C-alpha atoms as a PDB file:
ATOM      1  CA  UNK A   1      83.621  22.177  47.558  1.00  0.00           C
ATOM      2  CA  UNK A   2      84.983  25.563  48.401  1.00  0.00           C
ATOM      3  CA  UNK A   3      86.727  25.668  51.796  1.00  0.00           C
ATOM      4  CA  UNK A   4      85.228  29.395  52.569  1.00  0.00           C
ATOM      5  CA  UNK A   5      84.573  29.955  56.178  1.00  0.00           C
ATOM      6  CA  UNK A   6      81.106  32.097  56.913  1.00  0.00           C
ATOM      7  CA  UNK A   7      83.164  34.848  58.414  1.00  0.00           C
ATOM      8  CA  UNK A   8      85.050  35.928  55.411  1.00  0.00           C
ATOM      9  CA  UNK A   9      82.017  36.066  53.104  1.00  0.00           C
ATOM     10  CA  UNK A  10      79.444  38.975  53.079  1.00  0.00           C
ATOM     11  CA  UNK A  11      76.825  37.112  52.031  1.00  0.00           C
ATOM     12  CA  UNK A  12      76.809  34.590  55.051  1.00  0.00           C
ATOM     13  CA  UNK A  13      76.168  38.007  57.475  1.00  0.00           C
ATOM     14  CA  UNK A  14      73.128  37.522  59.221  1.00  0.00           C
ATOM     15  CA  UNK A  15      71.768  39.680  61.959  1.00  0.00           C
ATOM     16  CA  UNK A  16      69.024  38.435  63.914  1.00  0.00           C
ATOM     17  CA  UNK A  17      65.429  40.191  63.736  1.00  0.00           C
ATOM     18  CA  UNK A  18      65.123  40.867  67.421  1.00  0.00           C
ATOM     19  CA  UNK A  19      68.579  42.247  67.753  1.00  0.00           C
ATOM     20  CA  UNK A  20      68.087  44.972  64.704  1.00  0.00           C
ATOM     21  CA  UNK A  21      64.578  45.856  66.455  1.00  0.00           C
ATOM     22  CA  UNK A  22      66.657  46.567  69.880  1.00  0.00           C
ATOM     23  CA  UNK A  23      69.340  48.254  68.233  1.00  0.00           C
ATOM     24  CA  UNK A  24      67.091  50.596  66.298  1.00  0.00           C
ATOM     25  CA  UNK A  25      64.619  50.902  69.574  1.00  0.00           C
ATOM     26  CA  UNK A  26      67.841  51.876  71.549  1.00  0.00           C
ATOM     27  CA  UNK A  27      69.087  54.163  68.903  1.00  0.00           C
ATOM     28  CA  UNK A  28      65.713  55.977  68.845  1.00  0.00           C
ATOM     29  CA  UNK A  29      65.751  56.503  72.687  1.00  0.00           C
ATOM     30  CA  UNK A  30      69.246  57.980  72.426  1.00  0.00           C
ATOM     31  CA  UNK A  31      68.649  60.042  69.572  1.00  0.00           C
ATOM     32  CA  UNK A  32      64.980  61.491  71.565  1.00  0.00           C
ATOM     33  CA  UNK A  33      67.830  62.064  74.796  1.00  0.00           C
ATOM     34  CA  UNK A  34      69.662  64.230  72.204  1.00  0.00           C
ATOM     35  CA  UNK A  35      67.108  66.053  70.583  1.00  0.00           C
ATOM     36  CA  UNK A  36      65.773  67.035  73.813  1.00  0.00           C
ATOM     37  CA  UNK A  37      69.571  68.375  74.711  1.00  0.00           C
ATOM     38  CA  UNK A  38      70.911  69.561  71.295  1.00  0.00           C
ATOM     39  CA  UNK A  39      67.835  71.495  69.837  1.00  0.00           C
ATOM     40  CA  UNK A  40      67.366  73.828  72.913  1.00  0.00           C
ATOM     41  CA  UNK A  41      71.004  74.181  72.942  1.00  0.00           C
ATOM     42  CA  UNK A  42      71.113  75.260  69.017  1.00  0.00           C
ATOM     43  CA  UNK A  43      67.934  77.734  69.928  1.00  0.00           C
ATOM     44  CA  UNK A  44      70.214  79.204  72.751  1.00  0.00           C
ATOM     45  CA  UNK A  45      72.952  79.657  70.900  1.00  0.00           C
ATOM     46  CA  UNK A  46      71.025  81.339  68.136  1.00  0.00           C
ATOM     47  CA  UNK A  47      69.338  83.516  70.644  1.00  0.00           C
ATOM     48  CA  UNK A  48      72.488  84.755  72.071  1.00  0.00           C
ATOM     49  CA  UNK A  49      74.269  85.143  68.603  1.00  0.00           C
ATOM     50  CA  UNK A  50      71.045  87.639  67.908  1.00  0.00           C
ATOM     51  CA  UNK A  51      71.446  89.372  70.581  1.00  0.00           C
ATOM     52  CA  UNK A  52      75.130  89.663  70.425  1.00  0.00           C
ATOM     53  CA  UNK A  53      74.449  91.329  66.766  1.00  0.00           C
ATOM     54  CA  UNK A  54      71.946  93.781  68.129  1.00  0.00           C
ATOM     55  CA  UNK A  55      74.375  94.630  70.738  1.00  0.00           C
ATOM     56  CA  UNK A  56      77.020  95.356  68.371  1.00  0.00           C
ATOM     57  CA  UNK A  57      74.676  97.250  66.070  1.00  0.00           C
ATOM     58  CA  UNK A  58      73.403  99.654  69.160  1.00  0.00           C
ATOM     59  CA  UNK A  59      77.057 100.125  70.064  1.00  0.00           C
ATOM     60  CA  UNK A  60      78.055 101.321  66.145  1.00  0.00           C
ATOM     61  CA  UNK A  61      74.769 103.549  66.725  1.00  0.00           C
ATOM     62  CA  UNK A  62      75.768 105.189  69.627  1.00  0.00           C
ATOM     63  CA  UNK A  63      79.323 105.878  68.858  1.00  0.00           C
ATOM     64  CA  UNK A  64      78.074 107.381  65.565  1.00  0.00           C
ATOM     65  CA  UNK A  65      75.834 109.971  67.721  1.00  0.00           C
ATOM     66  CA  UNK A  66      78.752 110.588  70.139  1.00  0.00           C
ATOM     67  CA  UNK A  67      80.922 111.373  66.898  1.00  0.00           C
ATOM     68  CA  UNK A  68      77.800 113.523  65.494  1.00  0.00           C
ATOM     69  CA  UNK A  69      77.807 115.217  68.872  1.00  0.00           C
ATOM     70  CA  UNK A  70      81.458 115.877  68.932  1.00  0.00           C
ATOM     71  CA  UNK A  71      81.769 117.327  65.692  1.00  0.00           C
ATOM     72  CA  UNK A  72      78.883 119.961  66.945  1.00  0.00           C
ATOM     73  CA  UNK A  73      80.675 123.254  66.872  1.00  0.00           C
ATOM     74  CA  UNK A  74      78.915 123.670  70.237  1.00  0.00           C
ATOM     75  CA  UNK A  75      80.533 120.801  71.416  1.00  0.00           C
ATOM     76  CA  UNK A  76      83.627 122.014  70.165  1.00  0.00           C
ATOM     77  CA  UNK A  77      83.258 125.189  71.788  1.00  0.00           C
ATOM     78  CA  UNK A  78      82.555 123.745  75.031  1.00  0.00           C
ATOM     79  CA  UNK A  79      85.516 121.342  74.775  1.00  0.00           C
ATOM     80  CA  UNK A  80      87.795 123.961  73.970  1.00  0.00           C
ATOM     81  CA  UNK A  81      86.453 125.797  77.011  1.00  0.00           C
ATOM     82  CA  UNK A  82      86.784 123.064  78.942  1.00  0.00           C
ATOM     83  CA  UNK A  83      90.404 122.694  78.437  1.00  0.00           C
ATOM     84  CA  UNK A  84      91.080 126.223  79.022  1.00  0.00           C
ATOM     85  CA  UNK A  85      89.297 125.887  82.486  1.00  0.00           C
ATOM     86  CA  UNK A  86      91.643 122.878  83.178  1.00  0.00           C
ATOM     87  CA  UNK A  87      94.552 124.618  82.557  1.00  0.00           C
ATOM     88  CA  UNK A  88      93.150 127.516  84.799  1.00  0.00           C
ATOM     89  CA  UNK A  89      92.708 124.890  87.624  1.00  0.00           C
ATOM     90  CA  UNK A  90      96.115 123.303  87.150  1.00  0.00           C
ATOM     91  CA  UNK A  91      97.891 126.800  87.349  1.00  0.00           C
ATOM     92  CA  UNK A  92      95.702 127.375  90.630  1.00  0.00           C
ATOM     93  CA  UNK A  93      96.669 123.972  92.300  1.00  0.00           C
ATOM     94  CA  UNK A  94     100.351 124.598  91.478  1.00  0.00           C
ATOM     95  CA  UNK A  95     100.003 128.345  93.137  1.00  0.00           C
ATOM     96  CA  UNK A  96      98.249 126.309  96.307  1.00  0.00           C
ATOM     97  CA  UNK A  97     100.612 123.858  96.625  1.00  0.00           C
ATOM     98  CA  UNK A  98     103.673 126.800  96.504  1.00  0.00           C
ATOM     99  CA  UNK A  99     101.097 128.809  98.947  1.00  0.00           C
ATOM    100  CA  UNK A 100     100.360 125.731 101.433  1.00  0.00           C
ATOM    101  CA  UNK A 101     104.561 124.972 101.465  1.00  0.00           C
ATOM    102  CA  UNK A 102     105.008 128.546 102.520  1.00  0.00           C
ATOM    103  CA  UNK A 103     102.439 128.197 105.242  1.00  0.00           C
ATOM    104  CA  UNK A 104     103.895 124.643 106.329  1.00  0.00           C
ATOM    105  CA  UNK A 105     107.267 126.779 107.121  1.00  0.00           C
ATOM    106  CA  UNK A 106     105.251 129.540 108.924  1.00  0.00           C
ATOM    107  CA  UNK A 107     103.197 127.140 111.260  1.00  0.00           C
ATOM    108  CA  UNK A 108     106.766 125.116 111.900  1.00  0.00           C
ATOM    109  CA  UNK A 109     108.146 128.674 113.149  1.00  0.00           C
ATOM    110  CA  UNK A 110     105.190 129.938 115.235  1.00  0.00           C
ATOM    111  CA  UNK A 111     105.353 125.999 116.431  1.00  0.00           C
ATOM    112  CA  UNK A 112     108.989 126.681 117.627  1.00  0.00           C
ATOM    113  CA  UNK A 113     108.123 130.167 118.855  1.00  0.00           C
ATOM    114  CA  UNK A 114     105.068 128.522 120.686  1.00  0.00           C
ATOM    115  CA  UNK A 115     107.345 126.024 122.608  1.00  0.00           C
ATOM    116  CA  UNK A 116     109.765 128.921 123.609  1.00  0.00           C
ATOM    117  CA  UNK A 117     106.699 130.721 124.884  1.00  0.00           C
ATOM    118  CA  UNK A 118     105.455 127.423 127.092  1.00  0.00           C
ATOM    119  CA  UNK A 119     108.954 127.177 128.354  1.00  0.00           C
ATOM    120  CA  UNK A 120     108.608 130.732 129.490  1.00  0.00           C
ATOM    121  CA  UNK A 121     105.610 129.710 130.793  1.00  0.00           C
ATOM    122  CA  UNK A 122     107.063 127.187 133.001  1.00  0.00           C
ATOM    123  CA  UNK A 123     108.653 129.878 135.157  1.00  0.00           C
ATOM    124  CA  UNK A 124     105.172 131.793 135.671  1.00  0.00           C
ATOM    125  CA  UNK A 125     104.512 128.793 137.824  1.00  0.00           C
ATOM    126  CA  UNK A 126     107.541 129.402 140.040  1.00  0.00           C
ATOM    127  CA  UNK A 127     106.538 133.632 139.892  1.00  0.00           C
ATOM    128  CA  UNK A 128     103.080 133.049 141.009  1.00  0.00           C
ATOM    129  CA  UNK A 129     104.193 131.243 144.315  1.00  0.00           C
ATOM    130  CA  UNK A 130     106.670 133.964 144.818  1.00  0.00           C
ATOM    131  CA  UNK A 131     103.879 136.497 144.254  1.00  0.00           C
ATOM    132  CA  UNK A 132     101.727 134.746 146.505  1.00  0.00           C
ATOM    133  CA  UNK A 133     104.484 134.494 149.263  1.00  0.00           C
ATOM    134  CA  UNK A 134     105.230 138.186 148.831  1.00  0.00           C
ATOM    135  CA  UNK A 135     101.355 138.858 149.012  1.00  0.00           C
ATOM    136  CA  UNK A 136     101.309 137.299 152.447  1.00  0.00           C
ATOM    137  CA  UNK A 137     104.425 139.207 153.679  1.00  0.00           C
ATOM    138  CA  UNK A 138     103.003 142.136 152.709  1.00  0.00           C
ATOM    139  CA  UNK A 139      99.589 141.736 154.508  1.00  0.00           C
ATOM    140  CA  UNK A 140     101.650 140.701 157.598  1.00  0.00           C
ATOM    141  CA  UNK A 141     103.338 143.953 157.122  1.00  0.00           C
ATOM    142  CA  UNK A 142     100.079 145.809 156.658  1.00  0.00           C
ATOM    143  CA  UNK A 143      98.915 144.578 160.270  1.00  0.00           C
ATOM    144  CA  UNK A 144     102.139 144.912 161.637  1.00  0.00           C
ATOM    145  CA  UNK A 145     102.185 148.671 160.647  1.00  0.00           C
ATOM    146  CA  UNK A 146      98.874 149.044 162.045  1.00  0.00           C
ATOM    147  CA  UNK A 147      99.825 147.715 165.139  1.00  0.00           C
ATOM    148  CA  UNK A 148     102.956 150.130 165.166  1.00  0.00           C
ATOM    149  CA  UNK A 149     100.768 153.015 164.723  1.00  0.00           C
ATOM    150  CA  UNK A 150      98.400 152.221 167.385  1.00  0.00           C
ATOM    151  CA  UNK A 151     101.840 151.298 169.897  1.00  0.00           C
ATOM    152  CA  UNK A 152     102.505 155.194 168.524  1.00  0.00           C
ATOM    153  CA  UNK A 153      99.051 156.510 169.291  1.00  0.00           C
ATOM    154  CA  UNK A 154      99.001 155.023 172.924  1.00  0.00           C
ATOM    155  CA  UNK A 155     102.290 156.152 173.391  1.00  0.00           C
ATOM    156  CA  UNK A 156     101.338 159.989 172.128  1.00  0.00           C
ATOM    157  CA  UNK A 157      98.775 159.779 174.577  1.00  0.00           C
ATOM    158  CA  UNK A 158     100.800 158.805 177.576  1.00  0.00           C
ATOM    159  CA  UNK A 159     103.456 160.848 176.781  1.00  0.00           C
ATOM    160  CA  UNK A 160     101.729 164.412 175.225  1.00  0.00           C
ATOM    161  CA  UNK A 161     100.193 165.408 178.588  1.00  0.00           C
ATOM    162  CA  UNK A 162     103.448 165.628 180.423  1.00  0.00           C
ATOM    163  CA  UNK A 163     105.065 166.895 177.214  1.00  0.00           C
ATOM    164  CA  UNK A 164     102.672 169.769 177.046  1.00  0.00           C
ATOM    165  CA  UNK A 165     103.029 170.669 180.859  1.00  0.00           C
ATOM    166  CA  UNK A 166     107.147 170.918 180.266  1.00  0.00           C
ATOM    167  CA  UNK A 167     106.580 172.629 176.396  1.00  0.00           C
ATOM    168  CA  UNK A 168     104.173 175.802 178.334  1.00  0.00           C
ATOM    169  CA  UNK A 169     107.602 175.983 180.987  1.00  0.00           C
ATOM    170  CA  UNK A 170     110.263 176.081 178.338  1.00  0.00           C
ATOM    171  CA  UNK A 171     110.750 179.685 176.864  1.00  0.00           C
ATOM    172  CA  UNK A 172     111.367 178.608 173.279  1.00  0.00           C
END
């Protein structure tokens, strides 16, 4: 008699048929689920790879076209002219910067002169009041002179008759 246990012998391993069927059905359902996820994913990755290679191909074609255009003599002349114009523009901007500095200095000086003029203008207000008072005084003097003229005229009329008579009597 042998004293072997059923767990150690591979021949004694037996799986019931129903369990195996359930295992295979579950595996098949799981495989179908994975097929619904994996196959479209693989298709999307393949499409994206194809688009990536196409874009790389188009970029290299475009770069080749750009390089051909840059090697064109007309383009080389245009780029040279552009570089020359940029140098002139830089020089003009430098000159303009110097002129702007000078102009800023002049405007500052003008601003100081304007402040001095504004301070002088403050005195004009008092001069205006004094001129108004003087104008009023001259008007009063004019009316007083007119009154004096009238008084002199009245005095001349009142004295002239007796004086005429006295003058006629005097020998000289």
